Amino acid sequence: MRCFAFRVVTLAFAMATCFTAQSTVSAQEAAMTPLKVGTITKAAATTDLWSANQRNELKRNGLDVTLIEFSIGNDAIAANRGGSIDVFLAIPGTVMIADERGFDLRAVSQNEVAKARGPDSGSLQVLSDSPYKSLADLAGKKIAVSTLHGQRTAAMKTAFKKAGVNPDELQLTELPYASHFEALKSKYVDAVDTIDPFTTQLISSGIGRVVAWDYVDSIPEQPLGAWFATSTFIKKNPATIEKFNTSIKDSIEYMLADPDRARSEVVAYTGLRPELVQSMPIIGWDYHVRLDKWQAVADMMLESGELSSKHSADEFLADQIKPYTSK
């Protein structure tokens, strides 16, 4: 009888322990904050977020993240407008245009900046045996761009202006980056305005030759990628934004701590050949915001006709990003 009683007590204790453990797991899961994040498809610059997700860094910071990939930032902006995603990555100049049109978007965390000097991701390239040696030689020539508007094209036009070329004389042809290699090789265009990995692919193949590092030549260390959300979402979810910022900051530090490890992560995420990634400049991951660089981009966007009025860089920044901001 005592033996039976002992077994009953033991069973009851085991069931209670199991119930408690399940309750604890359920409570932990319930405490996780869901967040839909829009990122750019297999872009090397977004490897930091992918890596954070792979290493459960986002979960450790209390976020249950769903990553949704887009081919370009404009598509992510549209999806955010429709409520399909909460936070998304885009080049700041593109968001400045959308914001001026009433989208009410704010940067919550910076992701990437251009280099202080070349080599850099953004390049203007001609055929390796081309007679064109400088930007001045390309006046009036046919150039492939990923889009006719936005920060990327504004930077290229600014580089031409600095070289004494009227950008209005250029023949700009809109082609996706993936088509730039063949467009240049077939001489469909005289030059391509491209980014990595296509910059490095053209150079390493012997097909392309860099005429200008146009991000660097227009505004060195300009912001190239930041995470954005609507003001409404930020105000309703300040703790979520703080958790996301912490995750991005920690992951950028993880990537920059070991360049070889970072390149391995880029290969794992993008599927690019290891030898190609090895020859690419390391991504300019940087969560530190320089207001003067953001202001320079806003001014460049105005001067190039992408913005209709002058704006202060502060307008585009959420409060949560300001602890990482300097003048």
C-alpha atoms as a PDB file:
ATOM      1  CA  MET A   1       0.000   0.000   0.000  1.00  0.00           C
ATOM      2  CA  ARG A   2       2.811   2.371   0.897  1.00  0.00           C
ATOM      3  CA  CYS A   3       4.583   1.416  -2.333  1.00  0.00           C
ATOM      4  CA  PHE A   4       1.443   2.197  -4.340  1.00  0.00           C
ATOM      5  CA  ALA A   5       1.051   5.531  -2.556  1.00  0.00           C
ATOM      6  CA  PHE A   6       4.684   6.392  -3.302  1.00  0.00           C
ATOM      7  CA  ARG A   7       4.184   5.647  -6.997  1.00  0.00           C
ATOM      8  CA  VAL A   8       1.076   7.827  -7.107  1.00  0.00           C
ATOM      9  CA  VAL A   9       2.930  10.721  -5.453  1.00  0.00           C
ATOM     10  CA  THR A  10       5.902  10.279  -7.792  1.00  0.00           C
ATOM     11  CA  LEU A  11       3.635  10.266 -10.855  1.00  0.00           C
ATOM     12  CA  ALA A  12       1.810  13.338  -9.613  1.00  0.00           C
ATOM     13  CA  PHE A  13       5.135  15.131  -9.055  1.00  0.00           C
ATOM     14  CA  ALA A  14       6.370  14.186 -12.539  1.00  0.00           C
ATOM     15  CA  MET A  15       3.153  15.452 -14.133  1.00  0.00           C
ATOM     16  CA  ALA A  16       3.348  18.687 -12.166  1.00  0.00           C
ATOM     17  CA  THR A  17       6.995  19.147 -13.177  1.00  0.00           C
ATOM     18  CA  CYS A  18       6.149  18.516 -16.835  1.00  0.00           C
ATOM     19  CA  PHE A  19       3.229  20.947 -16.671  1.00  0.00           C
ATOM     20  CA  THR A  20       5.426  23.592 -15.064  1.00  0.00           C
ATOM     21  CA  ALA A  21       8.109  23.160 -17.751  1.00  0.00           C
ATOM     22  CA  GLN A  22       5.527  23.410 -20.528  1.00  0.00           C
ATOM     23  CA  SER A  23       4.042  26.486 -18.889  1.00  0.00           C
ATOM     24  CA  THR A  24       7.486  28.085 -18.701  1.00  0.00           C
ATOM     25  CA  VAL A  25       8.149  27.407 -22.408  1.00  0.00           C
ATOM     26  CA  SER A  26       4.702  28.733 -23.307  1.00  0.00           C
ATOM     27  CA  ALA A  27       5.322  31.863 -21.252  1.00  0.00           C
ATOM     28  CA  GLN A  28       8.670  32.406 -22.979  1.00  0.00           C
ATOM     29  CA  GLU A  29       7.083  31.970 -26.397  1.00  0.00           C
ATOM     30  CA  ALA A  30       4.265  34.320 -25.453  1.00  0.00           C
ATOM     31  CA  ALA A  31       6.823  36.926 -24.369  1.00  0.00           C
ATOM     32  CA  MET A  32       8.418  36.926 -27.833  1.00  0.00           C
ATOM     33  CA  THR A  33       7.475  39.938 -29.949  1.00  0.00           C
ATOM     34  CA  PRO A  34       6.543  39.136 -33.570  1.00  0.00           C
ATOM     35  CA  LEU A  35       8.190  41.386 -36.169  1.00  0.00           C
ATOM     36  CA  LYS A  36       7.951  41.243 -39.972  1.00  0.00           C
ATOM     37  CA  VAL A  37      11.169  42.532 -41.514  1.00  0.00           C
ATOM     38  CA  GLY A  38      11.654  43.336 -45.190  1.00  0.00           C
ATOM     39  CA  THR A  39      15.149  42.741 -46.546  1.00  0.00           C
ATOM     40  CA  ILE A  40      16.822  42.770 -49.962  1.00  0.00           C
ATOM     41  CA  THR A  41      17.123  39.386 -51.688  1.00  0.00           C
ATOM     42  CA  LYS A  42      20.534  37.820 -51.066  1.00  0.00           C
ATOM     43  CA  ALA A  43      22.235  41.212 -50.793  1.00  0.00           C
ATOM     44  CA  ALA A  44      25.634  40.875 -49.117  1.00  0.00           C
ATOM     45  CA  ALA A  45      24.914  43.986 -47.036  1.00  0.00           C
ATOM     46  CA  THR A  46      21.996  42.261 -45.291  1.00  0.00           C
ATOM     47  CA  THR A  47      24.090  39.288 -44.189  1.00  0.00           C
ATOM     48  CA  ASP A  48      24.300  40.842 -40.723  1.00  0.00           C
ATOM     49  CA  LEU A  49      20.537  40.461 -40.200  1.00  0.00           C
ATOM     50  CA  TRP A  50      20.494  36.951 -41.691  1.00  0.00           C
ATOM     51  CA  SER A  51      23.395  35.971 -39.433  1.00  0.00           C
ATOM     52  CA  ALA A  52      21.638  37.402 -36.367  1.00  0.00           C
ATOM     53  CA  ASN A  53      18.602  35.310 -37.215  1.00  0.00           C
ATOM     54  CA  GLN A  54      20.678  32.169 -37.821  1.00  0.00           C
ATOM     55  CA  ARG A  55      22.479  32.580 -34.499  1.00  0.00           C
ATOM     56  CA  ASN A  56      19.174  33.193 -32.640  1.00  0.00           C
ATOM     57  CA  GLU A  57      20.408  36.652 -31.657  1.00  0.00           C
ATOM     58  CA  LEU A  58      17.021  38.149 -32.495  1.00  0.00           C
ATOM     59  CA  LYS A  59      15.277  35.572 -30.297  1.00  0.00           C
ATOM     60  CA  ARG A  60      17.648  36.283 -27.437  1.00  0.00           C
ATOM     61  CA  ASN A  61      16.569  39.895 -27.699  1.00  0.00           C
ATOM     62  CA  GLY A  62      12.925  38.831 -27.514  1.00  0.00           C
ATOM     63  CA  LEU A  63      12.009  39.066 -31.200  1.00  0.00           C
ATOM     64  CA  ASP A  64      10.205  36.450 -33.263  1.00  0.00           C
ATOM     65  CA  VAL A  65      11.268  37.733 -36.692  1.00  0.00           C
ATOM     66  CA  THR A  66       9.878  36.758 -40.071  1.00  0.00           C
ATOM     67  CA  LEU A  67      12.245  37.778 -42.885  1.00  0.00           C
ATOM     68  CA  ILE A  68      10.552  38.763 -46.145  1.00  0.00           C
ATOM     69  CA  GLU A  69      12.801  39.351 -49.160  1.00  0.00           C
ATOM     70  CA  PHE A  70      12.328  41.992 -51.859  1.00  0.00           C
ATOM     71  CA  SER A  71      14.344  42.632 -55.009  1.00  0.00           C
ATOM     72  CA  ILE A  72      14.556  46.408 -54.474  1.00  0.00           C
ATOM     73  CA  GLY A  73      13.867  48.908 -51.705  1.00  0.00           C
ATOM     74  CA  ASN A  74      10.915  50.433 -53.570  1.00  0.00           C
ATOM     75  CA  ASP A  75       9.031  47.130 -53.329  1.00  0.00           C
ATOM     76  CA  ALA A  76       9.686  47.011 -49.582  1.00  0.00           C
ATOM     77  CA  ILE A  77       8.384  50.565 -49.186  1.00  0.00           C
ATOM     78  CA  ALA A  78       5.182  49.600 -51.003  1.00  0.00           C
ATOM     79  CA  ALA A  79       4.778  46.495 -48.833  1.00  0.00           C
ATOM     80  CA  ASN A  80       5.267  48.566 -45.694  1.00  0.00           C
ATOM     81  CA  ARG A  81       2.660  51.018 -46.937  1.00  0.00           C
ATOM     82  CA  GLY A  82       0.233  48.122 -47.349  1.00  0.00           C
ATOM     83  CA  GLY A  83       0.976  46.761 -43.873  1.00  0.00           C
ATOM     84  CA  SER A  84       2.706  43.547 -45.012  1.00  0.00           C
ATOM     85  CA  ILE A  85       5.944  44.354 -43.170  1.00  0.00           C
ATOM     86  CA  ASP A  86       6.840  46.380 -40.075  1.00  0.00           C
ATOM     87  CA  VAL A  87      10.501  47.295 -40.651  1.00  0.00           C
ATOM     88  CA  PHE A  88      12.452  47.290 -43.903  1.00  0.00           C
ATOM     89  CA  LEU A  89      15.854  48.043 -45.408  1.00  0.00           C
ATOM     90  CA  ALA A  90      16.323  50.724 -48.058  1.00  0.00           C
ATOM     91  CA  ILE A  91      18.857  53.245 -49.277  1.00  0.00           C
ATOM     92  CA  PRO A  92      18.064  56.521 -47.443  1.00  0.00           C
ATOM     93  CA  GLY A  93      17.641  58.699 -50.537  1.00  0.00           C
ATOM     94  CA  THR A  94      14.803  56.516 -51.825  1.00  0.00           C
ATOM     95  CA  VAL A  95      12.987  56.790 -48.496  1.00  0.00           C
ATOM     96  CA  MET A  96      13.507  60.572 -48.464  1.00  0.00           C
ATOM     97  CA  ILE A  97      11.578  60.752 -51.731  1.00  0.00           C
ATOM     98  CA  ALA A  98       8.779  58.556 -50.331  1.00  0.00           C
ATOM     99  CA  ASP A  99       8.693  60.541 -47.103  1.00  0.00           C
ATOM    100  CA  GLU A 100       8.295  63.809 -48.994  1.00  0.00           C
ATOM    101  CA  ARG A 101       5.277  62.227 -50.686  1.00  0.00           C
ATOM    102  CA  GLY A 102       3.610  61.548 -47.347  1.00  0.00           C
ATOM    103  CA  PHE A 103       4.802  58.059 -46.375  1.00  0.00           C
ATOM    104  CA  ASP A 104       5.927  59.285 -42.921  1.00  0.00           C
ATOM    105  CA  LEU A 105       8.927  56.955 -42.599  1.00  0.00           C
ATOM    106  CA  ARG A 106      11.791  57.214 -40.098  1.00  0.00           C
ATOM    107  CA  ALA A 107      15.168  55.478 -39.860  1.00  0.00           C
ATOM    108  CA  VAL A 108      15.391  53.306 -36.756  1.00  0.00           C
ATOM    109  CA  SER A 109      18.862  51.846 -37.337  1.00  0.00           C
ATOM    110  CA  GLN A 110      21.672  52.396 -39.848  1.00  0.00           C
ATOM    111  CA  ASN A 111      23.122  49.345 -41.588  1.00  0.00           C
ATOM    112  CA  GLU A 112      25.787  50.341 -44.108  1.00  0.00           C
ATOM    113  CA  VAL A 113      27.854  53.279 -45.389  1.00  0.00           C
ATOM    114  CA  ALA A 114      30.113  53.835 -48.389  1.00  0.00           C
ATOM    115  CA  LYS A 115      33.875  53.709 -48.011  1.00  0.00           C
ATOM    116  CA  ALA A 116      35.951  56.812 -47.389  1.00  0.00           C
ATOM    117  CA  ARG A 117      37.920  55.977 -50.554  1.00  0.00           C
ATOM    118  CA  GLY A 118      37.902  53.328 -53.283  1.00  0.00           C
ATOM    119  CA  PRO A 119      37.691  50.479 -53.880  1.00  0.00           C
ATOM    120  CA  ASP A 120      34.038  50.511 -52.906  1.00  0.00           C
ATOM    121  CA  SER A 121      30.818  48.710 -53.749  1.00  0.00           C
ATOM    122  CA  GLY A 122      29.516  51.408 -56.118  1.00  0.00           C
ATOM    123  CA  SER A 123      31.438  51.782 -59.366  1.00  0.00           C
ATOM    124  CA  LEU A 124      31.096  53.243 -62.833  1.00  0.00           C
ATOM    125  CA  GLN A 125      32.759  50.819 -65.249  1.00  0.00           C
ATOM    126  CA  VAL A 126      33.608  50.626 -68.943  1.00  0.00           C
ATOM    127  CA  LEU A 127      35.043  47.744 -70.968  1.00  0.00           C
ATOM    128  CA  SER A 128      38.638  47.001 -70.066  1.00  0.00           C
ATOM    129  CA  ASP A 129      39.769  47.873 -73.611  1.00  0.00           C
ATOM    130  CA  SER A 130      37.491  50.903 -73.889  1.00  0.00           C
ATOM    131  CA  PRO A 131      38.980  54.225 -75.064  1.00  0.00           C
ATOM    132  CA  TYR A 132      37.104  55.988 -72.235  1.00  0.00           C
ATOM    133  CA  LYS A 133      39.523  56.829 -69.439  1.00  0.00           C
ATOM    134  CA  SER A 134      37.609  59.345 -67.314  1.00  0.00           C
ATOM    135  CA  LEU A 135      34.146  60.639 -66.512  1.00  0.00           C
ATOM    136  CA  ALA A 136      34.746  63.490 -68.928  1.00  0.00           C
ATOM    137  CA  ASP A 137      35.178  60.938 -71.741  1.00  0.00           C
ATOM    138  CA  LEU A 138      31.685  59.586 -71.015  1.00  0.00           C
ATOM    139  CA  ALA A 139      29.861  62.882 -71.665  1.00  0.00           C
ATOM    140  CA  GLY A 140      26.828  62.106 -73.822  1.00  0.00           C
ATOM    141  CA  LYS A 141      27.417  58.350 -73.698  1.00  0.00           C
ATOM    142  CA  LYS A 142      24.954  55.535 -72.956  1.00  0.00           C
ATOM    143  CA  ILE A 143      25.070  54.346 -69.339  1.00  0.00           C
ATOM    144  CA  ALA A 144      23.128  51.519 -67.667  1.00  0.00           C
ATOM    145  CA  VAL A 145      21.593  52.415 -64.295  1.00  0.00           C
ATOM    146  CA  SER A 146      19.432  50.309 -62.002  1.00  0.00           C
ATOM    147  CA  THR A 147      16.838  53.063 -61.801  1.00  0.00           C
ATOM    148  CA  LEU A 148      16.434  56.489 -63.349  1.00  0.00           C
ATOM    149  CA  HIS A 149      15.734  58.014 -59.933  1.00  0.00           C
ATOM    150  CA  GLY A 150      17.006  57.633 -56.390  1.00  0.00           C
ATOM    151  CA  GLN A 151      20.208  58.031 -54.416  1.00  0.00           C
ATOM    152  CA  ARG A 152      22.313  55.658 -56.531  1.00  0.00           C
ATOM    153  CA  THR A 153      21.701  57.620 -59.739  1.00  0.00           C
ATOM    154  CA  ALA A 154      21.904  60.973 -57.932  1.00  0.00           C
ATOM    155  CA  ALA A 155      25.361  59.982 -56.642  1.00  0.00           C
ATOM    156  CA  MET A 156      26.509  59.112 -60.163  1.00  0.00           C
ATOM    157  CA  LYS A 157      25.199  62.415 -61.546  1.00  0.00           C
ATOM    158  CA  THR A 158      26.942  64.298 -58.738  1.00  0.00           C
ATOM    159  CA  ALA A 159      30.231  62.573 -59.570  1.00  0.00           C
ATOM    160  CA  PHE A 160      29.823  63.652 -63.197  1.00  0.00           C
ATOM    161  CA  LYS A 161      29.074  67.223 -62.133  1.00  0.00           C
ATOM    162  CA  LYS A 162      32.244  67.312 -60.041  1.00  0.00           C
ATOM    163  CA  ALA A 163      34.137  66.169 -63.134  1.00  0.00           C
ATOM    164  CA  GLY A 164      32.692  69.057 -65.158  1.00  0.00           C
ATOM    165  CA  VAL A 165      30.147  66.995 -67.097  1.00  0.00           C
ATOM    166  CA  ASN A 166      26.516  68.042 -67.425  1.00  0.00           C
ATOM    167  CA  PRO A 167      24.568  64.935 -66.298  1.00  0.00           C
ATOM    168  CA  ASP A 168      21.612  65.985 -68.458  1.00  0.00           C
ATOM    169  CA  GLU A 169      23.727  65.077 -71.487  1.00  0.00           C
ATOM    170  CA  LEU A 170      24.031  61.438 -70.402  1.00  0.00           C
ATOM    171  CA  GLN A 171      21.924  58.737 -72.060  1.00  0.00           C
ATOM    172  CA  LEU A 172      20.637  56.726 -69.102  1.00  0.00           C
ATOM    173  CA  THR A 173      19.177  53.270 -69.706  1.00  0.00           C
ATOM    174  CA  GLU A 174      17.329  51.467 -66.898  1.00  0.00           C
ATOM    175  CA  LEU A 175      18.553  47.890 -66.467  1.00  0.00           C
ATOM    176  CA  PRO A 176      18.657  45.600 -63.402  1.00  0.00           C
ATOM    177  CA  TYR A 177      22.112  45.097 -61.908  1.00  0.00           C
ATOM    178  CA  ALA A 178      22.125  41.453 -62.945  1.00  0.00           C
ATOM    179  CA  SER A 179      21.970  42.556 -66.613  1.00  0.00           C
ATOM    180  CA  HIS A 180      24.883  45.012 -66.402  1.00  0.00           C
ATOM    181  CA  PHE A 181      27.564  42.408 -67.140  1.00  0.00           C
ATOM    182  CA  GLU A 182      26.077  41.340 -70.471  1.00  0.00           C
ATOM    183  CA  ALA A 183      24.992  44.871 -71.394  1.00  0.00           C
ATOM    184  CA  LEU A 184      28.577  46.084 -71.084  1.00  0.00           C
ATOM    185  CA  LYS A 185      30.174  42.997 -72.645  1.00  0.00           C
ATOM    186  CA  SER A 186      27.873  43.181 -75.689  1.00  0.00           C
ATOM    187  CA  LYS A 187      28.515  46.942 -76.013  1.00  0.00           C
ATOM    188  CA  TYR A 188      24.814  47.663 -75.658  1.00  0.00           C
ATOM    189  CA  VAL A 189      25.947  50.459 -73.334  1.00  0.00           C
ATOM    190  CA  ASP A 190      29.211  52.380 -73.012  1.00  0.00           C
ATOM    191  CA  ALA A 191      29.318  52.104 -69.229  1.00  0.00           C
ATOM    192  CA  VAL A 192      27.452  50.615 -66.276  1.00  0.00           C
ATOM    193  CA  ASP A 193      26.741  52.157 -62.885  1.00  0.00           C
ATOM    194  CA  THR A 194      26.745  49.114 -60.640  1.00  0.00           C
ATOM    195  CA  ILE A 195      27.348  47.727 -57.138  1.00  0.00           C
ATOM    196  CA  ASP A 196      28.850  44.613 -55.584  1.00  0.00           C
ATOM    197  CA  PRO A 197      28.926  41.744 -56.250  1.00  0.00           C
ATOM    198  CA  PHE A 198      28.665  42.961 -59.861  1.00  0.00           C
ATOM    199  CA  THR A 199      31.438  45.520 -59.344  1.00  0.00           C
ATOM    200  CA  THR A 200      33.877  42.789 -58.337  1.00  0.00           C
ATOM    201  CA  GLN A 201      32.572  40.313 -60.931  1.00  0.00           C
ATOM    202  CA  LEU A 202      33.286  42.760 -63.759  1.00  0.00           C
ATOM    203  CA  ILE A 203      36.769  43.533 -62.454  1.00  0.00           C
ATOM    204  CA  SER A 204      37.788  39.936 -61.701  1.00  0.00           C
ATOM    205  CA  SER A 205      36.506  38.690 -65.079  1.00  0.00           C
ATOM    206  CA  GLY A 206      38.710  41.170 -66.926  1.00  0.00           C
ATOM    207  CA  ILE A 207      35.644  42.574 -68.695  1.00  0.00           C
ATOM    208  CA  GLY A 208      35.285  45.810 -66.758  1.00  0.00           C
ATOM    209  CA  ARG A 209      37.515  48.689 -65.740  1.00  0.00           C
ATOM    210  CA  VAL A 210      36.594  51.235 -63.067  1.00  0.00           C
ATOM    211  CA  VAL A 211      36.390  54.837 -64.198  1.00  0.00           C
ATOM    212  CA  ALA A 212      34.967  56.145 -60.920  1.00  0.00           C
ATOM    213  CA  TRP A 213      33.920  54.992 -57.454  1.00  0.00           C
ATOM    214  CA  ASP A 214      30.859  57.201 -57.635  1.00  0.00           C
ATOM    215  CA  TYR A 215      29.548  56.775 -54.076  1.00  0.00           C
ATOM    216  CA  VAL A 216      32.980  57.832 -52.832  1.00  0.00           C
ATOM    217  CA  ASP A 217      33.404  60.555 -55.467  1.00  0.00           C
ATOM    218  CA  SER A 218      30.019  62.123 -54.676  1.00  0.00           C
ATOM    219  CA  ILE A 219      29.815  61.810 -50.848  1.00  0.00           C
ATOM    220  CA  PRO A 220      32.441  59.628 -49.135  1.00  0.00           C
ATOM    221  CA  GLU A 221      30.958  57.514 -46.316  1.00  0.00           C
ATOM    222  CA  GLN A 222      27.399  58.352 -47.312  1.00  0.00           C
ATOM    223  CA  PRO A 223      24.702  56.104 -45.801  1.00  0.00           C
ATOM    224  CA  LEU A 224      23.782  53.299 -48.188  1.00  0.00           C
ATOM    225  CA  GLY A 225      21.350  51.279 -46.102  1.00  0.00           C
ATOM    226  CA  ALA A 226      19.142  51.845 -43.094  1.00  0.00           C
ATOM    227  CA  TRP A 227      16.174  50.156 -41.458  1.00  0.00           C
ATOM    228  CA  PHE A 228      12.943  52.146 -41.602  1.00  0.00           C
ATOM    229  CA  ALA A 229       9.449  52.018 -40.100  1.00  0.00           C
ATOM    230  CA  THR A 230       6.480  54.346 -40.022  1.00  0.00           C
ATOM    231  CA  SER A 231       6.241  56.916 -37.245  1.00  0.00           C
ATOM    232  CA  THR A 232       2.970  55.301 -36.185  1.00  0.00           C
ATOM    233  CA  PHE A 233       4.561  51.867 -35.760  1.00  0.00           C
ATOM    234  CA  ILE A 234       7.536  53.322 -33.896  1.00  0.00           C
ATOM    235  CA  LYS A 235       5.330  55.227 -31.440  1.00  0.00           C
ATOM    236  CA  LYS A 236       3.198  52.151 -30.769  1.00  0.00           C
ATOM    237  CA  ASN A 237       6.142  49.764 -30.445  1.00  0.00           C
ATOM    238  CA  PRO A 238       9.140  51.611 -28.919  1.00  0.00           C
ATOM    239  CA  ALA A 239      10.380  48.530 -27.018  1.00  0.00           C
ATOM    240  CA  THR A 240      10.280  46.439 -30.207  1.00  0.00           C
ATOM    241  CA  ILE A 241      12.354  49.023 -32.052  1.00  0.00           C
ATOM    242  CA  GLU A 242      14.879  49.098 -29.196  1.00  0.00           C
ATOM    243  CA  LYS A 243      15.183  45.286 -29.355  1.00  0.00           C
ATOM    244  CA  PHE A 244      15.670  45.426 -33.114  1.00  0.00           C
ATOM    245  CA  ASN A 245      18.331  48.153 -32.796  1.00  0.00           C
ATOM    246  CA  THR A 246      20.208  46.101 -30.221  1.00  0.00           C
ATOM    247  CA  SER A 247      20.129  43.067 -32.522  1.00  0.00           C
ATOM    248  CA  ILE A 248      21.479  45.022 -35.512  1.00  0.00           C
ATOM    249  CA  LYS A 249      24.177  46.691 -33.408  1.00  0.00           C
ATOM    250  CA  ASP A 250      25.319  43.379 -31.908  1.00  0.00           C
ATOM    251  CA  SER A 251      25.339  41.624 -35.263  1.00  0.00           C
ATOM    252  CA  ILE A 252      27.324  44.396 -36.986  1.00  0.00           C
ATOM    253  CA  GLU A 253      29.903  44.192 -34.210  1.00  0.00           C
ATOM    254  CA  TYR A 254      29.987  40.405 -34.654  1.00  0.00           C
ATOM    255  CA  MET A 255      30.605  40.769 -38.406  1.00  0.00           C
ATOM    256  CA  LEU A 256      33.292  43.443 -38.068  1.00  0.00           C
ATOM    257  CA  ALA A 257      35.160  41.571 -35.323  1.00  0.00           C
ATOM    258  CA  ASP A 258      36.399  38.960 -37.811  1.00  0.00           C
ATOM    259  CA  PRO A 259      36.488  39.840 -41.555  1.00  0.00           C
ATOM    260  CA  ASP A 260      37.169  36.240 -42.576  1.00  0.00           C
ATOM    261  CA  ARG A 261      34.179  35.049 -40.577  1.00  0.00           C
ATOM    262  CA  ALA A 262      32.089  37.840 -42.094  1.00  0.00           C
ATOM    263  CA  ARG A 263      33.050  36.760 -45.611  1.00  0.00           C
ATOM    264  CA  SER A 264      32.140  33.168 -44.763  1.00  0.00           C
ATOM    265  CA  GLU A 265      28.747  34.370 -43.581  1.00  0.00           C
ATOM    266  CA  VAL A 266      28.279  36.345 -46.828  1.00  0.00           C
ATOM    267  CA  VAL A 267      29.064  33.214 -48.849  1.00  0.00           C
ATOM    268  CA  ALA A 268      26.607  31.145 -46.782  1.00  0.00           C
ATOM    269  CA  TYR A 269      23.830  33.691 -47.202  1.00  0.00           C
ATOM    270  CA  THR A 270      24.266  34.868 -50.794  1.00  0.00           C
ATOM    271  CA  GLY A 271      25.593  31.696 -52.406  1.00  0.00           C
ATOM    272  CA  LEU A 272      28.353  33.708 -54.087  1.00  0.00           C
ATOM    273  CA  ARG A 273      31.629  31.954 -54.906  1.00  0.00           C
ATOM    274  CA  PRO A 274      34.074  32.164 -51.954  1.00  0.00           C
ATOM    275  CA  GLU A 275      36.886  33.458 -54.183  1.00  0.00           C
ATOM    276  CA  LEU A 276      34.664  36.295 -55.416  1.00  0.00           C
ATOM    277  CA  VAL A 277      33.635  37.295 -51.895  1.00  0.00           C
ATOM    278  CA  GLN A 278      37.275  37.119 -50.807  1.00  0.00           C
ATOM    279  CA  SER A 279      38.183  39.742 -53.412  1.00  0.00           C
ATOM    280  CA  MET A 280      35.256  42.029 -52.554  1.00  0.00           C
ATOM    281  CA  PRO A 281      35.804  44.951 -50.177  1.00  0.00           C
ATOM    282  CA  ILE A 282      34.280  44.087 -46.805  1.00  0.00           C
ATOM    283  CA  ILE A 283      30.783  45.540 -46.460  1.00  0.00           C
ATOM    284  CA  GLY A 284      30.788  48.969 -44.793  1.00  0.00           C
ATOM    285  CA  TRP A 285      28.524  47.898 -41.924  1.00  0.00           C
ATOM    286  CA  ASP A 286      28.127  50.803 -39.502  1.00  0.00           C
ATOM    287  CA  TYR A 287      25.327  51.620 -37.059  1.00  0.00           C
ATOM    288  CA  HIS A 288      26.934  54.963 -36.140  1.00  0.00           C
ATOM    289  CA  VAL A 289      25.023  57.772 -37.864  1.00  0.00           C
ATOM    290  CA  ARG A 290      26.830  60.888 -39.034  1.00  0.00           C
ATOM    291  CA  LEU A 291      24.317  63.711 -39.409  1.00  0.00           C
ATOM    292  CA  ASP A 292      26.563  65.615 -41.809  1.00  0.00           C
ATOM    293  CA  LYS A 293      26.562  62.655 -44.226  1.00  0.00           C
ATOM    294  CA  TRP A 294      22.785  62.248 -44.035  1.00  0.00           C
ATOM    295  CA  GLN A 295      22.403  65.987 -44.601  1.00  0.00           C
ATOM    296  CA  ALA A 296      24.748  65.813 -47.590  1.00  0.00           C
ATOM    297  CA  VAL A 297      22.566  63.062 -49.091  1.00  0.00           C
ATOM    298  CA  ALA A 298      19.393  65.130 -48.548  1.00  0.00           C
ATOM    299  CA  ASP A 299      21.073  68.128 -50.187  1.00  0.00           C
ATOM    300  CA  MET A 300      22.302  65.977 -53.089  1.00  0.00           C
ATOM    301  CA  MET A 301      18.793  64.616 -53.607  1.00  0.00           C
ATOM    302  CA  LEU A 302      17.457  68.182 -53.754  1.00  0.00           C
ATOM    303  CA  GLU A 303      20.153  69.387 -56.135  1.00  0.00           C
ATOM    304  CA  SER A 304      19.558  66.445 -58.469  1.00  0.00           C
ATOM    305  CA  GLY A 305      15.824  67.166 -58.555  1.00  0.00           C
ATOM    306  CA  GLU A 306      14.781  64.060 -56.619  1.00  0.00           C
ATOM    307  CA  LEU A 307      13.441  66.153 -53.718  1.00  0.00           C
ATOM    308  CA  SER A 308      11.316  69.242 -54.252  1.00  0.00           C
ATOM    309  CA  SER A 309      12.311  71.166 -51.111  1.00  0.00           C
ATOM    310  CA  LYS A 310      15.155  71.395 -48.615  1.00  0.00           C
ATOM    311  CA  HIS A 311      15.031  69.040 -45.632  1.00  0.00           C
ATOM    312  CA  SER A 312      16.962  68.646 -42.405  1.00  0.00           C
ATOM    313  CA  ALA A 313      18.516  65.220 -41.843  1.00  0.00           C
ATOM    314  CA  ASP A 314      16.831  65.085 -38.419  1.00  0.00           C
ATOM    315  CA  GLU A 315      13.455  64.794 -40.136  1.00  0.00           C
ATOM    316  CA  PHE A 316      14.255  61.294 -41.307  1.00  0.00           C
ATOM    317  CA  LEU A 317      15.542  59.865 -38.016  1.00  0.00           C
ATOM    318  CA  ALA A 318      13.554  58.175 -35.234  1.00  0.00           C
ATOM    319  CA  ASP A 319      14.380  58.928 -31.606  1.00  0.00           C
ATOM    320  CA  GLN A 320      15.706  55.387 -31.145  1.00  0.00           C
ATOM    321  CA  ILE A 321      18.538  55.952 -33.637  1.00  0.00           C
ATOM    322  CA  LYS A 322      19.712  59.206 -32.044  1.00  0.00           C
ATOM    323  CA  PRO A 323      21.898  57.643 -29.316  1.00  0.00           C
ATOM    324  CA  TYR A 324      24.097  56.395 -32.170  1.00  0.00           C
ATOM    325  CA  THR A 325      24.158  59.784 -33.920  1.00  0.00           C
ATOM    326  CA  SER A 326      26.922  62.359 -34.103  1.00  0.00           C
ATOM    327  CA  LYS A 327      27.385  65.589 -35.998  1.00  0.00           C
END
